[in-house]
Amino acid sequence: MADRLIGWARRFDPCDPSAVGSAAGPGIRRAAPAAGGAVQAARAAVEGRVGAAGAGVFGLLLGALLVPLVHRVIEPLWGVVTGK
């Protein structure tokens, strides 16, 4: 079960070229080393934080789009299918 959830989540990974949000990936990948280069002492930590922040913002935006879609479209359809 956990493997399926991880596989599903990777489809929306902005840094994965084959994912749904792959258009955001190049920007995140360019921003992370640039920020890391500005702070040489903690380069790897800064790059990791910038990459995580970019992916987090992408996830919030994707969620903001999907939640209304689920409530307004998928939930009513599911109610029709199940008879509830």
PDB file of N, CA and C in Angstrom:
ATOM      1  N   MET A   1       0.824  -1.196   0.000  1.00  0.00           N
ATOM      2  CA  MET A   1       0.000   0.000   0.000  1.00  0.00           C
ATOM      3  C   MET A   1       0.864   1.255   0.000  1.00  0.00           C
ATOM      4  N   ALA A   2       1.884   1.275   0.851  1.00  0.00           N
ATOM      5  CA  ALA A   2       2.752   2.454   0.927  1.00  0.00           C
ATOM      6  C   ALA A   2       3.485   2.673  -0.393  1.00  0.00           C
ATOM      7  N   ASP A   3       3.881   1.587  -1.060  1.00  0.00           N
ATOM      8  CA  ASP A   3       4.564   1.723  -2.348  1.00  0.00           C
ATOM      9  C   ASP A   3       3.663   2.391  -3.383  1.00  0.00           C
ATOM     10  N   ARG A   4       2.391   2.043  -3.365  1.00  0.00           N
ATOM     11  CA  ARG A   4       1.463   2.664  -4.312  1.00  0.00           C
ATOM     12  C   ARG A   4       1.282   4.155  -4.014  1.00  0.00           C
ATOM     13  N   LEU A   5       1.227   4.501  -2.728  1.00  0.00           N
ATOM     14  CA  LEU A   5       1.076   5.909  -2.362  1.00  0.00           C
ATOM     15  C   LEU A   5       2.296   6.719  -2.775  1.00  0.00           C
ATOM     16  N   ILE A   6       3.471   6.163  -2.574  1.00  0.00           N
ATOM     17  CA  ILE A   6       4.695   6.862  -2.966  1.00  0.00           C
ATOM     18  C   ILE A   6       4.743   6.998  -4.481  1.00  0.00           C
ATOM     19  N   GLY A   7       4.389   5.965  -5.204  1.00  0.00           N
ATOM     20  CA  GLY A   7       4.355   6.029  -6.664  1.00  0.00           C
ATOM     21  C   GLY A   7       3.367   7.066  -7.161  1.00  0.00           C
ATOM     22  N   TRP A   8       2.213   7.160  -6.491  1.00  0.00           N
ATOM     23  CA  TRP A   8       1.215   8.140  -6.876  1.00  0.00           C
ATOM     24  C   TRP A   8       1.735   9.550  -6.614  1.00  0.00           C
ATOM     25  N   ALA A   9       2.382   9.753  -5.482  1.00  0.00           N
ATOM     26  CA  ALA A   9       2.907  11.079  -5.136  1.00  0.00           C
ATOM     27  C   ALA A   9       4.005  11.503  -6.108  1.00  0.00           C
ATOM     28  N   ARG A  10       4.786  10.567  -6.603  1.00  0.00           N
ATOM     29  CA  ARG A  10       5.860  10.916  -7.537  1.00  0.00           C
ATOM     30  C   ARG A  10       5.319  11.424  -8.864  1.00  0.00           C
ATOM     31  N   ARG A  11       4.097  11.063  -9.216  1.00  0.00           N
ATOM     32  CA  ARG A  11       3.510  11.566 -10.460  1.00  0.00           C
ATOM     33  C   ARG A  11       3.322  13.074 -10.405  1.00  0.00           C
ATOM     34  N   PHE A  12       3.262  13.643  -9.203  1.00  0.00           N
ATOM     35  CA  PHE A  12       3.063  15.079  -9.037  1.00  0.00           C
ATOM     36  C   PHE A  12       4.320  15.783  -8.544  1.00  0.00           C
ATOM     37  N   ASP A  13       5.473  15.115  -8.560  1.00  0.00           N
ATOM     38  CA  ASP A  13       6.735  15.710  -8.109  1.00  0.00           C
ATOM     39  C   ASP A  13       7.199  16.729  -9.136  1.00  0.00           C
ATOM     40  N   PRO A  14       7.308  18.015  -8.756  1.00  0.00           N
ATOM     41  CA  PRO A  14       7.676  19.031  -9.744  1.00  0.00           C
ATOM     42  C   PRO A  14       9.087  18.874 -10.289  1.00  0.00           C
ATOM     43  N   CYS A  15       9.949  18.128  -9.592  1.00  0.00           N
ATOM     44  CA  CYS A  15      11.327  17.958 -10.058  1.00  0.00           C
ATOM     45  C   CYS A  15      11.503  16.714 -10.922  1.00  0.00           C
ATOM     46  N   ASP A  16      10.472  15.901 -11.053  1.00  0.00           N
ATOM     47  CA  ASP A  16      10.534  14.700 -11.883  1.00  0.00           C
ATOM     48  C   ASP A  16      10.096  15.065 -13.305  1.00  0.00           C
ATOM     49  N   PRO A  17      10.968  14.884 -14.309  1.00  0.00           N
ATOM     50  CA  PRO A  17      10.623  15.288 -15.680  1.00  0.00           C
ATOM     51  C   PRO A  17       9.389  14.599 -16.251  1.00  0.00           C
ATOM     52  N   SER A  18       9.033  13.422 -15.737  1.00  0.00           N
ATOM     53  CA  SER A  18       7.882  12.709 -16.273  1.00  0.00           C
ATOM     54  C   SER A  18       6.606  12.989 -15.480  1.00  0.00           C
ATOM     55  N   ALA A  19       6.673  13.853 -14.480  1.00  0.00           N
ATOM     56  CA  ALA A  19       5.532  14.105 -13.606  1.00  0.00           C
ATOM     57  C   ALA A  19       4.585  15.145 -14.204  1.00  0.00           C
ATOM     58  N   VAL A  20       3.412  15.233 -13.614  1.00  0.00           N
ATOM     59  CA  VAL A  20       2.396  16.177 -14.068  1.00  0.00           C
ATOM     60  C   VAL A  20       2.894  17.610 -13.950  1.00  0.00           C
ATOM     61  N   GLY A  21       3.562  17.931 -12.853  1.00  0.00           N
ATOM     62  CA  GLY A  21       4.016  19.307 -12.629  1.00  0.00           C
ATOM     63  C   GLY A  21       5.427  19.571 -13.075  1.00  0.00           C
ATOM     64  N   SER A  22       5.884  18.881 -14.096  1.00  0.00           N
ATOM     65  CA  SER A  22       7.287  18.986 -14.487  1.00  0.00           C
ATOM     66  C   SER A  22       7.654  20.359 -15.037  1.00  0.00           C
ATOM     67  N   ALA A  23       6.706  21.202 -15.365  1.00  0.00           N
ATOM     68  CA  ALA A  23       7.028  22.542 -15.861  1.00  0.00           C
ATOM     69  C   ALA A  23       7.660  23.385 -14.761  1.00  0.00           C
ATOM     70  N   ALA A  24       7.310  23.132 -13.506  1.00  0.00           N
ATOM     71  CA  ALA A  24       7.886  23.890 -12.393  1.00  0.00           C
ATOM     72  C   ALA A  24       9.273  23.378 -12.019  1.00  0.00           C
ATOM     73  N   GLY A  25       9.586  22.153 -12.360  1.00  0.00           N
ATOM     74  CA  GLY A  25      10.849  21.529 -11.972  1.00  0.00           C
ATOM     75  C   GLY A  25      12.096  22.261 -12.400  1.00  0.00           C
ATOM     76  N   PRO A  26      12.231  22.668 -13.669  1.00  0.00           N
ATOM     77  CA  PRO A  26      13.455  23.363 -14.072  1.00  0.00           C
ATOM     78  C   PRO A  26      13.711  24.641 -13.289  1.00  0.00           C
ATOM     79  N   GLY A  27      12.667  25.371 -12.980  1.00  0.00           N
ATOM     80  CA  GLY A  27      12.834  26.588 -12.192  1.00  0.00           C
ATOM     81  C   GLY A  27      13.324  26.287 -10.793  1.00  0.00           C
ATOM     82  N   ILE A  28      12.765  25.251 -10.194  1.00  0.00           N
ATOM     83  CA  ILE A  28      13.194  24.857  -8.847  1.00  0.00           C
ATOM     84  C   ILE A  28      14.633  24.363  -8.887  1.00  0.00           C
ATOM     85  N   ARG A  29      14.974  23.563  -9.912  1.00  0.00           N
ATOM     86  CA  ARG A  29      16.344  23.047 -10.011  1.00  0.00           C
ATOM     87  C   ARG A  29      17.362  24.155 -10.265  1.00  0.00           C
ATOM     88  N   ARG A  30      16.967  25.242 -10.939  1.00  0.00           N
ATOM     89  CA  ARG A  30      17.891  26.365 -11.146  1.00  0.00           C
ATOM     90  C   ARG A  30      18.010  27.227  -9.896  1.00  0.00           C
ATOM     91  N   ALA A  31      16.919  27.382  -9.163  1.00  0.00           N
ATOM     92  CA  ALA A  31      16.933  28.249  -7.979  1.00  0.00           C
ATOM     93  C   ALA A  31      17.737  27.641  -6.837  1.00  0.00           C
ATOM     94  N   ALA A  32      17.678  26.334  -6.679  1.00  0.00           N
ATOM     95  CA  ALA A  32      18.354  25.695  -5.554  1.00  0.00           C
ATOM     96  C   ALA A  32      19.868  25.888  -5.601  1.00  0.00           C
ATOM     97  N   PRO A  33      20.568  25.581  -6.712  1.00  0.00           N
ATOM     98  CA  PRO A  33      22.022  25.807  -6.726  1.00  0.00           C
ATOM     99  C   PRO A  33      22.389  27.289  -6.644  1.00  0.00           C
ATOM    100  N   ALA A  34      21.557  28.159  -7.204  1.00  0.00           N
ATOM    101  CA  ALA A  34      21.844  29.589  -7.132  1.00  0.00           C
ATOM    102  C   ALA A  34      21.817  30.053  -5.682  1.00  0.00           C
ATOM    103  N   ALA A  35      20.819  29.600  -4.937  1.00  0.00           N
ATOM    104  CA  ALA A  35      20.744  29.968  -3.522  1.00  0.00           C
ATOM    105  C   ALA A  35      21.875  29.318  -2.744  1.00  0.00           C
ATOM    106  N   GLY A  36      22.211  28.091  -3.086  1.00  0.00           N
ATOM    107  CA  GLY A  36      23.316  27.401  -2.408  1.00  0.00           C
ATOM    108  C   GLY A  36      24.654  28.066  -2.668  1.00  0.00           C
ATOM    109  N   GLY A  37      24.837  28.586  -3.876  1.00  0.00           N
ATOM    110  CA  GLY A  37      26.085  29.277  -4.208  1.00  0.00           C
ATOM    111  C   GLY A  37      26.236  30.580  -3.457  1.00  0.00           C
ATOM    112  N   ALA A  38      25.131  31.203  -3.084  1.00  0.00           N
ATOM    113  CA  ALA A  38      25.189  32.465  -2.343  1.00  0.00           C
ATOM    114  C   ALA A  38      25.653  32.246  -0.914  1.00  0.00           C
ATOM    115  N   VAL A  39      25.439  31.064  -0.370  1.00  0.00           N
ATOM    116  CA  VAL A  39      25.842  30.758   1.005  1.00  0.00           C
ATOM    117  C   VAL A  39      26.765  29.543   0.950  1.00  0.00           C
ATOM    118  N   GLN A  40      28.053  29.777   0.705  1.00  0.00           N
ATOM    119  CA  GLN A  40      28.999  28.679   0.497  1.00  0.00           C
ATOM    120  C   GLN A  40      29.143  27.762   1.708  1.00  0.00           C
ATOM    121  N   ALA A  41      29.066  28.295   2.898  1.00  0.00           N
ATOM    122  CA  ALA A  41      29.302  27.485   4.098  1.00  0.00           C
ATOM    123  C   ALA A  41      28.247  26.404   4.283  1.00  0.00           C
ATOM    124  N   ALA A  42      27.050  26.655   3.866  1.00  0.00           N
ATOM    125  CA  ALA A  42      25.961  25.698   4.067  1.00  0.00           C
ATOM    126  C   ALA A  42      25.269  25.411   2.737  1.00  0.00           C
ATOM    127  N   ARG A  43      26.064  25.229   1.701  1.00  0.00           N
ATOM    128  CA  ARG A  43      25.518  25.083   0.345  1.00  0.00           C
ATOM    129  C   ARG A  43      24.495  23.961   0.214  1.00  0.00           C
ATOM    130  N   ALA A  44      24.847  22.767   0.661  1.00  0.00           N
ATOM    131  CA  ALA A  44      23.943  21.621   0.504  1.00  0.00           C
ATOM    132  C   ALA A  44      22.649  21.832   1.286  1.00  0.00           C
ATOM    133  N   ALA A  45      22.759  22.386   2.483  1.00  0.00           N
ATOM    134  CA  ALA A  45      21.566  22.614   3.301  1.00  0.00           C
ATOM    135  C   ALA A  45      20.648  23.640   2.646  1.00  0.00           C
ATOM    136  N   VAL A  46      21.255  24.712   2.107  1.00  0.00           N
ATOM    137  CA  VAL A  46      20.445  25.750   1.470  1.00  0.00           C
ATOM    138  C   VAL A  46      19.786  25.214   0.205  1.00  0.00           C
ATOM    139  N   GLU A  47      20.539  24.466  -0.594  1.00  0.00           N
ATOM    140  CA  GLU A  47      19.961  23.883  -1.810  1.00  0.00           C
ATOM    141  C   GLU A  47      18.789  22.973  -1.469  1.00  0.00           C
ATOM    142  N   GLY A  48      18.947  22.162  -0.447  1.00  0.00           N
ATOM    143  CA  GLY A  48      17.872  21.263  -0.039  1.00  0.00           C
ATOM    144  C   GLY A  48      16.645  22.016   0.424  1.00  0.00           C
ATOM    145  N   ARG A  49      16.863  23.072   1.194  1.00  0.00           N
ATOM    146  CA  ARG A  49      15.736  23.867   1.702  1.00  0.00           C
ATOM    147  C   ARG A  49      15.002  24.581   0.566  1.00  0.00           C
ATOM    148  N   VAL A  50      15.760  25.141  -0.371  1.00  0.00           N
ATOM    149  CA  VAL A  50      15.124  25.848  -1.488  1.00  0.00           C
ATOM    150  C   VAL A  50      14.336  24.869  -2.356  1.00  0.00           C
ATOM    151  N   GLY A  51      14.911  23.698  -2.610  1.00  0.00           N
ATOM    152  CA  GLY A  51      14.194  22.685  -3.390  1.00  0.00           C
ATOM    153  C   GLY A  51      12.929  22.220  -2.688  1.00  0.00           C
ATOM    154  N   ALA A  52      13.022  22.008  -1.380  1.00  0.00           N
ATOM    155  CA  ALA A  52      11.848  21.575  -0.617  1.00  0.00           C
ATOM    156  C   ALA A  52      10.785  22.673  -0.584  1.00  0.00           C
ATOM    157  N   ALA A  53      11.221  23.908  -0.449  1.00  0.00           N
ATOM    158  CA  ALA A  53      10.263  25.017  -0.430  1.00  0.00           C
ATOM    159  C   ALA A  53       9.546  25.139  -1.776  1.00  0.00           C
ATOM    160  N   GLY A  54      10.297  24.997  -2.859  1.00  0.00           N
ATOM    161  CA  GLY A  54       9.680  25.065  -4.185  1.00  0.00           C
ATOM    162  C   GLY A  54       8.679  23.946  -4.395  1.00  0.00           C
ATOM    163  N   ALA A  55       9.048  22.739  -3.980  1.00  0.00           N
ATOM    164  CA  ALA A  55       8.126  21.613  -4.113  1.00  0.00           C
ATOM    165  C   ALA A  55       6.907  21.800  -3.210  1.00  0.00           C
ATOM    166  N   GLY A  56       7.132  22.379  -2.030  1.00  0.00           N
ATOM    167  CA  GLY A  56       6.017  22.628  -1.115  1.00  0.00           C
ATOM    168  C   GLY A  56       5.028  23.629  -1.675  1.00  0.00           C
ATOM    169  N   VAL A  57       5.539  24.708  -2.251  1.00  0.00           N
ATOM    170  CA  VAL A  57       4.663  25.714  -2.855  1.00  0.00           C
ATOM    171  C   VAL A  57       3.881  25.094  -4.014  1.00  0.00           C
ATOM    172  N   PHE A  58       4.563  24.295  -4.821  1.00  0.00           N
ATOM    173  CA  PHE A  58       3.878  23.616  -5.923  1.00  0.00           C
ATOM    174  C   PHE A  58       2.769  22.701  -5.388  1.00  0.00           C
ATOM    175  N   GLY A  59       3.060  21.974  -4.318  1.00  0.00           N
ATOM    176  CA  GLY A  59       2.068  21.080  -3.724  1.00  0.00           C
ATOM    177  C   GLY A  59       0.861  21.836  -3.187  1.00  0.00           C
ATOM    178  N   LEU A  60       1.107  22.986  -2.558  1.00  0.00           N
ATOM    179  CA  LEU A  60      -0.006  23.794  -2.057  1.00  0.00           C
ATOM    180  C   LEU A  60      -0.882  24.298  -3.203  1.00  0.00           C
ATOM    181  N   LEU A  61      -0.244  24.744  -4.272  1.00  0.00           N
ATOM    182  CA  LEU A  61      -1.010  25.224  -5.427  1.00  0.00           C
ATOM    183  C   LEU A  61      -1.811  24.095  -6.072  1.00  0.00           C
ATOM    184  N   LEU A  62      -1.193  22.930  -6.198  1.00  0.00           N
ATOM    185  CA  LEU A  62      -1.899  21.781  -6.769  1.00  0.00           C
ATOM    186  C   LEU A  62      -3.078  21.392  -5.887  1.00  0.00           C
ATOM    187  N   GLY A  63      -2.861  21.385  -4.574  1.00  0.00           N
ATOM    188  CA  GLY A  63      -3.948  21.070  -3.646  1.00  0.00           C
ATOM    189  C   GLY A  63      -5.073  22.088  -3.718  1.00  0.00           C
ATOM    190  N   ALA A  64      -4.698  23.364  -3.862  1.00  0.00           N
ATOM    191  CA  ALA A  64      -5.714  24.417  -3.965  1.00  0.00           C
ATOM    192  C   ALA A  64      -6.582  24.231  -5.203  1.00  0.00           C
ATOM    193  N   LEU A  65      -6.023  23.632  -6.237  1.00  0.00           N
ATOM    194  CA  LEU A  65      -6.807  23.359  -7.445  1.00  0.00           C
ATOM    195  C   LEU A  65      -7.621  22.073  -7.325  1.00  0.00           C
ATOM    196  N   LEU A  66      -7.044  21.060  -6.684  1.00  0.00           N
ATOM    197  CA  LEU A  66      -7.703  19.761  -6.630  1.00  0.00           C
ATOM    198  C   LEU A  66      -8.843  19.686  -5.622  1.00  0.00           C
ATOM    199  N   VAL A  67      -8.722  20.377  -4.484  1.00  0.00           N
ATOM    200  CA  VAL A  67      -9.761  20.279  -3.451  1.00  0.00           C
ATOM    201  C   VAL A  67     -11.112  20.769  -3.971  1.00  0.00           C
ATOM    202  N   PRO A  68     -11.194  21.963  -4.585  1.00  0.00           N
ATOM    203  CA  PRO A  68     -12.503  22.368  -5.126  1.00  0.00           C
ATOM    204  C   PRO A  68     -13.011  21.430  -6.224  1.00  0.00           C
ATOM    205  N   LEU A  69     -12.094  20.918  -7.036  1.00  0.00           N
ATOM    206  CA  LEU A  69     -12.495  19.981  -8.091  1.00  0.00           C
ATOM    207  C   LEU A  69     -13.140  18.739  -7.491  1.00  0.00           C
ATOM    208  N   VAL A  70     -12.531  18.210  -6.446  1.00  0.00           N
ATOM    209  CA  VAL A  70     -13.075  17.012  -5.802  1.00  0.00           C
ATOM    210  C   VAL A  70     -14.437  17.307  -5.196  1.00  0.00           C
ATOM    211  N   HIS A  71     -14.565  18.436  -4.505  1.00  0.00           N
ATOM    212  CA  HIS A  71     -15.831  18.746  -3.831  1.00  0.00           C
ATOM    213  C   HIS A  71     -16.953  19.095  -4.797  1.00  0.00           C
ATOM    214  N   ARG A  72     -16.640  19.739  -5.896  1.00  0.00           N
ATOM    215  CA  ARG A  72     -17.699  20.196  -6.802  1.00  0.00           C
ATOM    216  C   ARG A  72     -18.007  19.227  -7.935  1.00  0.00           C
ATOM    217  N   VAL A  73     -17.027  18.402  -8.315  1.00  0.00           N
ATOM    218  CA  VAL A  73     -17.240  17.522  -9.472  1.00  0.00           C
ATOM    219  C   VAL A  73     -17.235  16.050  -9.069  1.00  0.00           C
ATOM    220  N   ILE A  74     -16.173  15.614  -8.442  1.00  0.00           N
ATOM    221  CA  ILE A  74     -16.010  14.179  -8.180  1.00  0.00           C
ATOM    222  C   ILE A  74     -16.968  13.693  -7.098  1.00  0.00           C
ATOM    223  N   GLU A  75     -17.135  14.464  -6.009  1.00  0.00           N
ATOM    224  CA  GLU A  75     -18.048  14.046  -4.951  1.00  0.00           C
ATOM    225  C   GLU A  75     -19.479  13.871  -5.449  1.00  0.00           C
ATOM    226  N   PRO A  76     -20.063  14.830  -6.193  1.00  0.00           N
ATOM    227  CA  PRO A  76     -21.419  14.614  -6.710  1.00  0.00           C
ATOM    228  C   PRO A  76     -21.505  13.401  -7.663  1.00  0.00           C
ATOM    229  N   LEU A  77     -20.488  13.227  -8.499  1.00  0.00           N
ATOM    230  CA  LEU A  77     -20.504  12.056  -9.373  1.00  0.00           C
ATOM    231  C   LEU A  77     -20.436  10.758  -8.587  1.00  0.00           C
ATOM    232  N   TRP A  78     -19.626  10.742  -7.551  1.00  0.00           N
ATOM    233  CA  TRP A  78     -19.509   9.564  -6.718  1.00  0.00           C
ATOM    234  C   TRP A  78     -20.846   9.282  -6.013  1.00  0.00           C
ATOM    235  N   GLY A  79     -21.543  10.333  -5.600  1.00  0.00           N
ATOM    236  CA  GLY A  79     -22.843  10.166  -4.987  1.00  0.00           C
ATOM    237  C   GLY A  79     -23.857   9.554  -5.938  1.00  0.00           C
ATOM    238  N   VAL A  80     -23.795   9.948  -7.208  1.00  0.00           N
ATOM    239  CA  VAL A  80     -24.687   9.383  -8.220  1.00  0.00           C
ATOM    240  C   VAL A  80     -24.366   7.903  -8.444  1.00  0.00           C
ATOM    241  N   VAL A  81     -23.074   7.590  -8.509  1.00  0.00           N
ATOM    242  CA  VAL A  81     -22.650   6.209  -8.757  1.00  0.00           C
ATOM    243  C   VAL A  81     -23.037   5.301  -7.599  1.00  0.00           C
ATOM    244  N   THR A  82     -22.818   5.761  -6.351  1.00  0.00           N
ATOM    245  CA  THR A  82     -23.081   4.911  -5.190  1.00  0.00           C
ATOM    246  C   THR A  82     -24.514   5.030  -4.680  1.00  0.00           C
ATOM    247  N   GLY A  83     -25.264   6.018  -5.178  1.00  0.00           N
ATOM    248  CA  GLY A  83     -26.643   6.170  -4.755  1.00  0.00           C
ATOM    249  C   GLY A  83     -26.803   6.904  -3.431  1.00  0.00           C
ATOM    250  N   LYS A  84     -25.813   7.635  -3.005  1.00  0.00           N
ATOM    251  CA  LYS A  84     -25.900   8.385  -1.728  1.00  0.00           C
ATOM    252  C   LYS A  84     -26.270   9.802  -1.976  1.00  0.00           C
TER     253      LYS A  84
END
